[in-house]
mmCIF file of all heavy atoms, coordinates in Angstrom:
data_MODEL
# 
_entry.id   MODEL 
# 
loop_
_atom_site.group_PDB 
_atom_site.id 
_atom_site.type_symbol 
_atom_site.label_atom_id 
_atom_site.label_alt_id 
_atom_site.label_comp_id 
_atom_site.label_asym_id 
_atom_site.label_entity_id 
_atom_site.label_seq_id 
_atom_site.pdbx_PDB_ins_code 
_atom_site.Cartn_x 
_atom_site.Cartn_y 
_atom_site.Cartn_z 
_atom_site.occupancy 
_atom_site.B_iso_or_equiv 
_atom_site.pdbx_formal_charge 
_atom_site.auth_seq_id 
_atom_site.auth_comp_id 
_atom_site.auth_asym_id 
_atom_site.auth_atom_id 
_atom_site.pdbx_PDB_model_num 
ATOM 1   N N   . ASP A 1 1  ? 102.021 77.266 102.744 1.00 0.00 ? 1  ASP A N   1 
ATOM 2   C CA  . ASP A 1 1  ? 103.450 77.041 102.525 1.00 0.00 ? 1  ASP A CA  1 
ATOM 3   C C   . ASP A 1 1  ? 103.739 76.660 101.089 1.00 0.00 ? 1  ASP A C   1 
ATOM 4   O O   . ASP A 1 1  ? 103.298 75.602 100.641 1.00 0.00 ? 1  ASP A O   1 
ATOM 5   C CB  . ASP A 1 1  ? 103.905 75.994 103.430 1.00 0.00 ? 1  ASP A CB  1 
ATOM 6   C CG  . ASP A 1 1  ? 105.425 75.678 103.396 1.00 0.00 ? 1  ASP A CG  1 
ATOM 7   O OD1 . ASP A 1 1  ? 106.116 76.756 103.168 1.00 0.00 ? 1  ASP A OD1 1 
ATOM 8   O OD2 . ASP A 1 1  ? 105.836 74.545 103.545 1.00 0.00 ? 1  ASP A OD2 1 
ATOM 9   N N   . PHE A 1 2  ? 104.443 77.553 100.403 1.00 0.00 ? 2  PHE A N   1 
ATOM 10  C CA  . PHE A 1 2  ? 104.868 77.263 99.002  1.00 0.00 ? 2  PHE A CA  1 
ATOM 11  C C   . PHE A 1 2  ? 106.378 77.457 98.807  1.00 0.00 ? 2  PHE A C   1 
ATOM 12  O O   . PHE A 1 2  ? 106.870 78.535 98.430  1.00 0.00 ? 2  PHE A O   1 
ATOM 13  C CB  . PHE A 1 2  ? 104.045 78.310 98.108  1.00 0.00 ? 2  PHE A CB  1 
ATOM 14  C CG  . PHE A 1 2  ? 102.575 78.078 98.136  1.00 0.00 ? 2  PHE A CG  1 
ATOM 15  C CD1 . PHE A 1 2  ? 101.861 78.826 99.061  1.00 0.00 ? 2  PHE A CD1 1 
ATOM 16  C CD2 . PHE A 1 2  ? 101.922 77.247 97.265  1.00 0.00 ? 2  PHE A CD2 1 
ATOM 17  C CE1 . PHE A 1 2  ? 100.427 78.682 99.104  1.00 0.00 ? 2  PHE A CE1 1 
ATOM 18  C CE2 . PHE A 1 2  ? 100.609 77.139 97.282  1.00 0.00 ? 2  PHE A CE2 1 
ATOM 19  C CZ  . PHE A 1 2  ? 99.819  77.757 98.224  1.00 0.00 ? 2  PHE A CZ  1 
ATOM 20  N N   . PRO A 1 3  ? 107.064 76.408 99.305  1.00 0.00 ? 3  PRO A N   1 
ATOM 21  C CA  . PRO A 1 3  ? 108.575 76.532 99.348  1.00 0.00 ? 3  PRO A CA  1 
ATOM 22  C C   . PRO A 1 3  ? 109.280 76.787 98.023  1.00 0.00 ? 3  PRO A C   1 
ATOM 23  O O   . PRO A 1 3  ? 110.408 77.300 98.027  1.00 0.00 ? 3  PRO A O   1 
ATOM 24  C CB  . PRO A 1 3  ? 108.968 75.174 99.940  1.00 0.00 ? 3  PRO A CB  1 
ATOM 25  C CG  . PRO A 1 3  ? 107.841 74.248 99.665  1.00 0.00 ? 3  PRO A CG  1 
ATOM 26  C CD  . PRO A 1 3  ? 106.604 75.099 99.685  1.00 0.00 ? 3  PRO A CD  1 
ATOM 27  N N   . ALA A 1 4  ? 108.650 76.491 96.895  1.00 0.00 ? 4  ALA A N   1 
ATOM 28  C CA  . ALA A 1 4  ? 109.296 76.698 95.604  1.00 0.00 ? 4  ALA A CA  1 
ATOM 29  C C   . ALA A 1 4  ? 109.342 78.143 95.190  1.00 0.00 ? 4  ALA A C   1 
ATOM 30  O O   . ALA A 1 4  ? 110.025 78.528 94.226  1.00 0.00 ? 4  ALA A O   1 
ATOM 31  C CB  . ALA A 1 4  ? 108.568 75.903 94.501  1.00 0.00 ? 4  ALA A CB  1 
ATOM 32  N N   . VAL A 1 5  ? 108.639 79.076 95.984  1.00 0.00 ? 5  VAL A N   1 
ATOM 33  C CA  . VAL A 1 5  ? 108.686 80.461 95.679  1.00 0.00 ? 5  VAL A CA  1 
ATOM 34  C C   . VAL A 1 5  ? 109.870 81.162 96.378  1.00 0.00 ? 5  VAL A C   1 
ATOM 35  O O   . VAL A 1 5  ? 110.727 81.719 95.739  1.00 0.00 ? 5  VAL A O   1 
ATOM 36  C CB  . VAL A 1 5  ? 107.319 81.204 95.870  1.00 0.00 ? 5  VAL A CB  1 
ATOM 37  C CG1 . VAL A 1 5  ? 107.430 82.689 95.565  1.00 0.00 ? 5  VAL A CG1 1 
ATOM 38  C CG2 . VAL A 1 5  ? 106.240 80.582 95.069  1.00 0.00 ? 5  VAL A CG2 1 
ATOM 39  N N   . PRO A 1 6  ? 109.984 81.120 97.735  1.00 0.00 ? 6  PRO A N   1 
ATOM 40  C CA  . PRO A 1 6  ? 109.009 80.581 98.713  1.00 0.00 ? 6  PRO A CA  1 
ATOM 41  C C   . PRO A 1 6  ? 108.052 81.674 99.225  1.00 0.00 ? 6  PRO A C   1 
ATOM 42  O O   . PRO A 1 6  ? 108.392 82.823 99.350  1.00 0.00 ? 6  PRO A O   1 
ATOM 43  C CB  . PRO A 1 6  ? 109.927 80.138 99.796  1.00 0.00 ? 6  PRO A CB  1 
ATOM 44  C CG  . PRO A 1 6  ? 111.047 81.088 99.799  1.00 0.00 ? 6  PRO A CG  1 
ATOM 45  C CD  . PRO A 1 6  ? 111.231 81.427 98.468  1.00 0.00 ? 6  PRO A CD  1 
ATOM 46  N N   . TYR A 1 7  ? 106.819 81.225 99.520  1.00 0.00 ? 7  TYR A N   1 
ATOM 47  C CA  . TYR A 1 7  ? 105.830 81.977 100.249 1.00 0.00 ? 7  TYR A CA  1 
ATOM 48  C C   . TYR A 1 7  ? 105.448 81.197 101.556 1.00 0.00 ? 7  TYR A C   1 
ATOM 49  O O   . TYR A 1 7  ? 105.498 79.959 101.512 1.00 0.00 ? 7  TYR A O   1 
ATOM 50  C CB  . TYR A 1 7  ? 104.559 82.168 99.515  1.00 0.00 ? 7  TYR A CB  1 
ATOM 51  C CG  . TYR A 1 7  ? 104.697 83.196 98.352  1.00 0.00 ? 7  TYR A CG  1 
ATOM 52  C CD1 . TYR A 1 7  ? 103.983 82.906 97.093  1.00 0.00 ? 7  TYR A CD1 1 
ATOM 53  C CD2 . TYR A 1 7  ? 105.356 84.394 98.456  1.00 0.00 ? 7  TYR A CD2 1 
ATOM 54  C CE1 . TYR A 1 7  ? 104.004 83.831 96.036  1.00 0.00 ? 7  TYR A CE1 1 
ATOM 55  C CE2 . TYR A 1 7  ? 105.316 85.343 97.437  1.00 0.00 ? 7  TYR A CE2 1 
ATOM 56  C CZ  . TYR A 1 7  ? 104.708 85.051 96.215  1.00 0.00 ? 7  TYR A CZ  1 
ATOM 57  O OH  . TYR A 1 7  ? 104.738 85.908 95.175  1.00 0.00 ? 7  TYR A OH  1 
ATOM 58  N N   . SER A 1 8  ? 105.090 81.983 102.593 1.00 0.00 ? 8  SER A N   1 
ATOM 59  C CA  . SER A 1 8  ? 104.623 81.338 103.830 1.00 0.00 ? 8  SER A CA  1 
ATOM 60  C C   . SER A 1 8  ? 103.334 82.020 104.228 1.00 0.00 ? 8  SER A C   1 
ATOM 61  O O   . SER A 1 8  ? 102.870 82.932 103.560 1.00 0.00 ? 8  SER A O   1 
ATOM 62  C CB  . SER A 1 8  ? 105.718 81.512 104.926 1.00 0.00 ? 8  SER A CB  1 
ATOM 63  O OG  . SER A 1 8  ? 105.747 82.809 105.371 1.00 0.00 ? 8  SER A OG  1 
ATOM 64  N N   . TYR A 1 9  ? 102.827 81.680 105.354 1.00 0.00 ? 9  TYR A N   1 
ATOM 65  C CA  . TYR A 1 9  ? 101.532 82.253 105.868 1.00 0.00 ? 9  TYR A CA  1 
ATOM 66  C C   . TYR A 1 9  ? 101.688 83.740 106.086 1.00 0.00 ? 9  TYR A C   1 
ATOM 67  O O   . TYR A 1 9  ? 100.694 84.485 106.080 1.00 0.00 ? 9  TYR A O   1 
ATOM 68  C CB  . TYR A 1 9  ? 101.154 81.570 107.282 1.00 0.00 ? 9  TYR A CB  1 
ATOM 69  C CG  . TYR A 1 9  ? 102.062 81.984 108.344 1.00 0.00 ? 9  TYR A CG  1 
ATOM 70  C CD1 . TYR A 1 9  ? 101.697 83.006 109.247 1.00 0.00 ? 9  TYR A CD1 1 
ATOM 71  C CD2 . TYR A 1 9  ? 103.284 81.294 108.651 1.00 0.00 ? 9  TYR A CD2 1 
ATOM 72  C CE1 . TYR A 1 9  ? 102.540 83.418 110.284 1.00 0.00 ? 9  TYR A CE1 1 
ATOM 73  C CE2 . TYR A 1 9  ? 104.051 81.659 109.675 1.00 0.00 ? 9  TYR A CE2 1 
ATOM 74  C CZ  . TYR A 1 9  ? 103.732 82.680 110.510 1.00 0.00 ? 9  TYR A CZ  1 
ATOM 75  O OH  . TYR A 1 9  ? 104.526 83.042 111.567 1.00 0.00 ? 9  TYR A OH  1 
ATOM 76  N N   . LEU A 1 10 ? 102.942 84.258 106.141 1.00 0.00 ? 10 LEU A N   1 
ATOM 77  C CA  . LEU A 1 10 ? 103.158 85.632 106.290 1.00 0.00 ? 10 LEU A CA  1 
ATOM 78  C C   . LEU A 1 10 ? 102.824 86.538 105.132 1.00 0.00 ? 10 LEU A C   1 
ATOM 79  O O   . LEU A 1 10 ? 102.736 87.737 105.180 1.00 0.00 ? 10 LEU A O   1 
ATOM 80  C CB  . LEU A 1 10 ? 104.616 85.912 106.722 1.00 0.00 ? 10 LEU A CB  1 
ATOM 81  C CG  . LEU A 1 10 ? 105.069 85.382 108.001 1.00 0.00 ? 10 LEU A CG  1 
ATOM 82  C CD1 . LEU A 1 10 ? 106.580 85.547 108.180 1.00 0.00 ? 10 LEU A CD1 1 
ATOM 83  C CD2 . LEU A 1 10 ? 104.371 85.983 109.235 1.00 0.00 ? 10 LEU A CD2 1 
ATOM 84  N N   . ASP A 1 11 ? 102.724 85.850 103.961 1.00 0.00 ? 11 ASP A N   1 
ATOM 85  C CA  . ASP A 1 11 ? 102.625 86.519 102.665 1.00 0.00 ? 11 ASP A CA  1 
ATOM 86  C C   . ASP A 1 11 ? 101.182 86.609 102.100 1.00 0.00 ? 11 ASP A C   1 
ATOM 87  O O   . ASP A 1 11 ? 101.038 86.902 100.929 1.00 0.00 ? 11 ASP A O   1 
ATOM 88  C CB  . ASP A 1 11 ? 103.515 85.747 101.701 1.00 0.00 ? 11 ASP A CB  1 
ATOM 89  C CG  . ASP A 1 11 ? 104.951 85.804 102.134 1.00 0.00 ? 11 ASP A CG  1 
ATOM 90  O OD1 . ASP A 1 11 ? 105.479 86.870 102.540 1.00 0.00 ? 11 ASP A OD1 1 
ATOM 91  O OD2 . ASP A 1 11 ? 105.658 84.736 102.086 1.00 0.00 ? 11 ASP A OD2 1 
ATOM 92  N N   . PHE A 1 12 ? 100.184 86.333 102.914 1.00 0.00 ? 12 PHE A N   1 
ATOM 93  C CA  . PHE A 1 12 ? 98.836  86.329 102.429 1.00 0.00 ? 12 PHE A CA  1 
ATOM 94  C C   . PHE A 1 12 ? 97.963  87.329 103.290 1.00 0.00 ? 12 PHE A C   1 
ATOM 95  O O   . PHE A 1 12 ? 98.283  87.809 104.323 1.00 0.00 ? 12 PHE A O   1 
ATOM 96  C CB  . PHE A 1 12 ? 98.249  84.915 102.550 1.00 0.00 ? 12 PHE A CB  1 
ATOM 97  C CG  . PHE A 1 12 ? 98.892  83.922 101.634 1.00 0.00 ? 12 PHE A CG  1 
ATOM 98  C CD1 . PHE A 1 12 ? 100.064 83.266 102.028 1.00 0.00 ? 12 PHE A CD1 1 
ATOM 99  C CD2 . PHE A 1 12 ? 98.472  83.742 100.262 1.00 0.00 ? 12 PHE A CD2 1 
ATOM 100 C CE1 . PHE A 1 12 ? 100.753 82.398 101.167 1.00 0.00 ? 12 PHE A CE1 1 
ATOM 101 C CE2 . PHE A 1 12 ? 99.176  82.919 99.436  1.00 0.00 ? 12 PHE A CE2 1 
ATOM 102 C CZ  . PHE A 1 12 ? 100.241 82.272 99.831  1.00 0.00 ? 12 PHE A CZ  1 
ATOM 103 N N   . ASN A 1 13 ? 96.772  87.529 102.662 1.00 0.00 ? 13 ASN A N   1 
ATOM 104 C CA  . ASN A 1 13 ? 95.894  88.698 103.167 1.00 0.00 ? 13 ASN A CA  1 
ATOM 105 C C   . ASN A 1 13 ? 94.918  88.311 104.245 1.00 0.00 ? 13 ASN A C   1 
ATOM 106 O O   . ASN A 1 13 ? 94.114  89.210 104.582 1.00 0.00 ? 13 ASN A O   1 
ATOM 107 C CB  . ASN A 1 13 ? 95.117  89.196 101.925 1.00 0.00 ? 13 ASN A CB  1 
ATOM 108 C CG  . ASN A 1 13 ? 95.760  90.394 101.244 1.00 0.00 ? 13 ASN A CG  1 
ATOM 109 O OD1 . ASN A 1 13 ? 96.530  91.148 101.982 1.00 0.00 ? 13 ASN A OD1 1 
ATOM 110 N ND2 . ASN A 1 13 ? 95.500  90.687 100.045 1.00 0.00 ? 13 ASN A ND2 1 
ATOM 111 N N   . ASP A 1 14 ? 94.929  87.122 104.767 1.00 0.00 ? 14 ASP A N   1 
ATOM 112 C CA  . ASP A 1 14 ? 93.861  86.618 105.654 1.00 0.00 ? 14 ASP A CA  1 
ATOM 113 C C   . ASP A 1 14 ? 93.607  87.709 106.769 1.00 0.00 ? 14 ASP A C   1 
ATOM 114 O O   . ASP A 1 14 ? 92.399  87.938 107.105 1.00 0.00 ? 14 ASP A O   1 
ATOM 115 C CB  . ASP A 1 14 ? 94.267  85.347 106.247 1.00 0.00 ? 14 ASP A CB  1 
ATOM 116 C CG  . ASP A 1 14 ? 94.277  84.225 105.185 1.00 0.00 ? 14 ASP A CG  1 
ATOM 117 O OD1 . ASP A 1 14 ? 94.488  84.613 103.976 1.00 0.00 ? 14 ASP A OD1 1 
ATOM 118 O OD2 . ASP A 1 14 ? 94.152  83.072 105.501 1.00 0.00 ? 14 ASP A OD2 1 
ATOM 119 N N   . GLY A 1 15 ? 94.617  88.309 107.342 1.00 0.00 ? 15 GLY A N   1 
ATOM 120 C CA  . GLY A 1 15 ? 94.413  89.225 108.420 1.00 0.00 ? 15 GLY A CA  1 
ATOM 121 C C   . GLY A 1 15 ? 93.637  90.484 108.034 1.00 0.00 ? 15 GLY A C   1 
ATOM 122 O O   . GLY A 1 15 ? 93.097  91.147 108.902 1.00 0.00 ? 15 GLY A O   1 
ATOM 123 N N   . LYS A 1 16 ? 93.618  90.813 106.788 1.00 0.00 ? 16 LYS A N   1 
ATOM 124 C CA  . LYS A 1 16 ? 92.978  92.018 106.332 1.00 0.00 ? 16 LYS A CA  1 
ATOM 125 C C   . LYS A 1 16 ? 91.499  91.768 105.892 1.00 0.00 ? 16 LYS A C   1 
ATOM 126 O O   . LYS A 1 16 ? 90.799  92.727 105.603 1.00 0.00 ? 16 LYS A O   1 
ATOM 127 C CB  . LYS A 1 16 ? 93.744  92.686 105.162 1.00 0.00 ? 16 LYS A CB  1 
ATOM 128 C CG  . LYS A 1 16 ? 95.088  93.266 105.617 1.00 0.00 ? 16 LYS A CG  1 
ATOM 129 C CD  . LYS A 1 16 ? 95.742  94.120 104.519 1.00 0.00 ? 16 LYS A CD  1 
ATOM 130 C CE  . LYS A 1 16 ? 95.830  93.386 103.203 1.00 0.00 ? 16 LYS A CE  1 
ATOM 131 N NZ  . LYS A 1 16 ? 96.589  94.193 102.238 1.00 0.00 ? 16 LYS A NZ  1 
ATOM 132 N N   . CYS A 1 17 ? 91.148  90.532 105.750 1.00 0.00 ? 17 CYS A N   1 
ATOM 133 C CA  . CYS A 1 17 ? 89.767  90.195 105.243 1.00 0.00 ? 17 CYS A CA  1 
ATOM 134 C C   . CYS A 1 17 ? 88.771  90.267 106.380 1.00 0.00 ? 17 CYS A C   1 
ATOM 135 O O   . CYS A 1 17 ? 89.002  89.630 107.424 1.00 0.00 ? 17 CYS A O   1 
ATOM 136 C CB  . CYS A 1 17 ? 89.798  88.788 104.564 1.00 0.00 ? 17 CYS A CB  1 
ATOM 137 S SG  . CYS A 1 17 ? 88.073  88.339 104.019 1.00 0.00 ? 17 CYS A SG  1 
ATOM 138 N N   . SER A 1 18 ? 87.677  90.934 106.184 1.00 0.00 ? 18 SER A N   1 
ATOM 139 C CA  . SER A 1 18 ? 86.718  91.112 107.298 1.00 0.00 ? 18 SER A CA  1 
ATOM 140 C C   . SER A 1 18 ? 85.504  90.127 107.293 1.00 0.00 ? 18 SER A C   1 
ATOM 141 O O   . SER A 1 18 ? 84.743  90.160 108.140 1.00 0.00 ? 18 SER A O   1 
ATOM 142 C CB  . SER A 1 18 ? 86.147  92.515 107.154 1.00 0.00 ? 18 SER A CB  1 
ATOM 143 O OG  . SER A 1 18 ? 85.461  92.661 105.911 1.00 0.00 ? 18 SER A OG  1 
ATOM 144 N N   . THR A 1 19 ? 85.573  89.116 106.347 1.00 0.00 ? 19 THR A N   1 
ATOM 145 C CA  . THR A 1 19 ? 84.495  88.231 106.330 1.00 0.00 ? 19 THR A CA  1 
ATOM 146 C C   . THR A 1 19 ? 84.756  86.985 107.181 1.00 0.00 ? 19 THR A C   1 
ATOM 147 O O   . THR A 1 19 ? 85.850  86.576 107.294 1.00 0.00 ? 19 THR A O   1 
ATOM 148 C CB  . THR A 1 19 ? 84.102  87.762 104.881 1.00 0.00 ? 19 THR A CB  1 
ATOM 149 O OG1 . THR A 1 19 ? 85.221  87.006 104.355 1.00 0.00 ? 19 THR A OG1 1 
ATOM 150 C CG2 . THR A 1 19 ? 83.909  89.029 103.973 1.00 0.00 ? 19 THR A CG2 1 
ATOM 151 N N   . ALA A 1 20 ? 83.667  86.374 107.684 1.00 0.00 ? 20 ALA A N   1 
ATOM 152 C CA  . ALA A 1 20 ? 83.779  85.158 108.440 1.00 0.00 ? 20 ALA A CA  1 
ATOM 153 C C   . ALA A 1 20 ? 84.372  84.059 107.688 1.00 0.00 ? 20 ALA A C   1 
ATOM 154 O O   . ALA A 1 20 ? 85.211  83.214 108.280 1.00 0.00 ? 20 ALA A O   1 
ATOM 155 C CB  . ALA A 1 20 ? 82.455  84.793 109.103 1.00 0.00 ? 20 ALA A CB  1 
ATOM 156 N N   . SER A 1 21 ? 84.070  83.960 106.387 1.00 0.00 ? 21 SER A N   1 
ATOM 157 C CA  . SER A 1 21 ? 84.452  82.790 105.606 1.00 0.00 ? 21 SER A CA  1 
ATOM 158 C C   . SER A 1 21 ? 85.919  83.038 105.109 1.00 0.00 ? 21 SER A C   1 
ATOM 159 O O   . SER A 1 21 ? 86.609  82.055 104.634 1.00 0.00 ? 21 SER A O   1 
ATOM 160 C CB  . SER A 1 21 ? 83.535  82.605 104.383 1.00 0.00 ? 21 SER A CB  1 
ATOM 161 O OG  . SER A 1 21 ? 83.664  83.731 103.536 1.00 0.00 ? 21 SER A OG  1 
ATOM 162 N N   . GLY A 1 22 ? 86.380  84.233 105.067 1.00 0.00 ? 22 GLY A N   1 
ATOM 163 C CA  . GLY A 1 22 ? 87.654  84.562 104.415 1.00 0.00 ? 22 GLY A CA  1 
ATOM 164 C C   . GLY A 1 22 ? 87.509  84.791 102.934 1.00 0.00 ? 22 GLY A C   1 
ATOM 165 O O   . GLY A 1 22 ? 88.497  85.148 102.302 1.00 0.00 ? 22 GLY A O   1 
ATOM 166 N N   . ASN A 1 23 ? 86.351  84.625 102.409 1.00 0.00 ? 23 ASN A N   1 
ATOM 167 C CA  . ASN A 1 23 ? 86.090  84.748 100.960 1.00 0.00 ? 23 ASN A CA  1 
ATOM 168 C C   . ASN A 1 23 ? 85.306  86.059 100.721 1.00 0.00 ? 23 ASN A C   1 
ATOM 169 O O   . ASN A 1 23 ? 84.773  86.616 101.640 1.00 0.00 ? 23 ASN A O   1 
ATOM 170 C CB  . ASN A 1 23 ? 85.260  83.549 100.424 1.00 0.00 ? 23 ASN A CB  1 
ATOM 171 C CG  . ASN A 1 23 ? 85.987  82.279 100.478 1.00 0.00 ? 23 ASN A CG  1 
ATOM 172 O OD1 . ASN A 1 23 ? 87.251  82.288 100.379 1.00 0.00 ? 23 ASN A OD1 1 
ATOM 173 N ND2 . ASN A 1 23 ? 85.287  81.178 100.710 1.00 0.00 ? 23 ASN A ND2 1 
ATOM 174 N N   . ILE A 1 24 ? 85.298  86.530 99.433  1.00 0.00 ? 24 ILE A N   1 
ATOM 175 C CA  . ILE A 1 24 ? 84.507  87.683 99.130  1.00 0.00 ? 24 ILE A CA  1 
ATOM 176 C C   . ILE A 1 24 ? 83.040  87.310 99.214  1.00 0.00 ? 24 ILE A C   1 
ATOM 177 O O   . ILE A 1 24 ? 82.574  86.293 98.656  1.00 0.00 ? 24 ILE A O   1 
ATOM 178 C CB  . ILE A 1 24 ? 84.835  88.102 97.602  1.00 0.00 ? 24 ILE A CB  1 
ATOM 179 C CG1 . ILE A 1 24 ? 86.286  88.443 97.419  1.00 0.00 ? 24 ILE A CG1 1 
ATOM 180 C CG2 . ILE A 1 24 ? 83.972  89.343 97.268  1.00 0.00 ? 24 ILE A CG2 1 
ATOM 181 C CD1 . ILE A 1 24 ? 86.717  88.555 96.005  1.00 0.00 ? 24 ILE A CD1 1 
ATOM 182 N N   . GLU A 1 25 ? 82.309  88.077 100.006 1.00 0.00 ? 25 GLU A N   1 
ATOM 183 C CA  . GLU A 1 25 ? 80.810  87.808 100.201 1.00 0.00 ? 25 GLU A CA  1 
ATOM 184 C C   . GLU A 1 25 ? 79.989  88.908 99.626  1.00 0.00 ? 25 GLU A C   1 
ATOM 185 O O   . GLU A 1 25 ? 78.829  88.735 99.356  1.00 0.00 ? 25 GLU A O   1 
ATOM 186 C CB  . GLU A 1 25 ? 80.595  87.593 101.684 1.00 0.00 ? 25 GLU A CB  1 
ATOM 187 C CG  . GLU A 1 25 ? 81.284  86.349 102.242 1.00 0.00 ? 25 GLU A CG  1 
ATOM 188 C CD  . GLU A 1 25 ? 81.117  86.264 103.731 1.00 0.00 ? 25 GLU A CD  1 
ATOM 189 O OE1 . GLU A 1 25 ? 80.457  87.072 104.395 1.00 0.00 ? 25 GLU A OE1 1 
ATOM 190 O OE2 . GLU A 1 25 ? 81.665  85.233 104.343 1.00 0.00 ? 25 GLU A OE2 1 
ATOM 191 N N   . ASN A 1 26 ? 80.617  90.101 99.416  1.00 0.00 ? 26 ASN A N   1 
ATOM 192 C CA  . ASN A 1 26 ? 79.871  91.332 99.080  1.00 0.00 ? 26 ASN A CA  1 
ATOM 193 C C   . ASN A 1 26 ? 80.643  92.098 98.074  1.00 0.00 ? 26 ASN A C   1 
ATOM 194 O O   . ASN A 1 26 ? 81.603  92.798 98.430  1.00 0.00 ? 26 ASN A O   1 
ATOM 195 C CB  . ASN A 1 26 ? 79.488  92.150 100.255 1.00 0.00 ? 26 ASN A CB  1 
ATOM 196 C CG  . ASN A 1 26 ? 78.757  93.441 99.858  1.00 0.00 ? 26 ASN A CG  1 
ATOM 197 O OD1 . ASN A 1 26 ? 78.279  93.526 98.725  1.00 0.00 ? 26 ASN A OD1 1 
ATOM 198 N ND2 . ASN A 1 26 ? 78.753  94.365 100.762 1.00 0.00 ? 26 ASN A ND2 1 
# 
């Protein structure tokens, strides 16, 4: 949640990331 933009959870890539950690692994 970044209300000063605003951005919410809808504006991030988490659903497209295939790694368990959510971070770049490879």
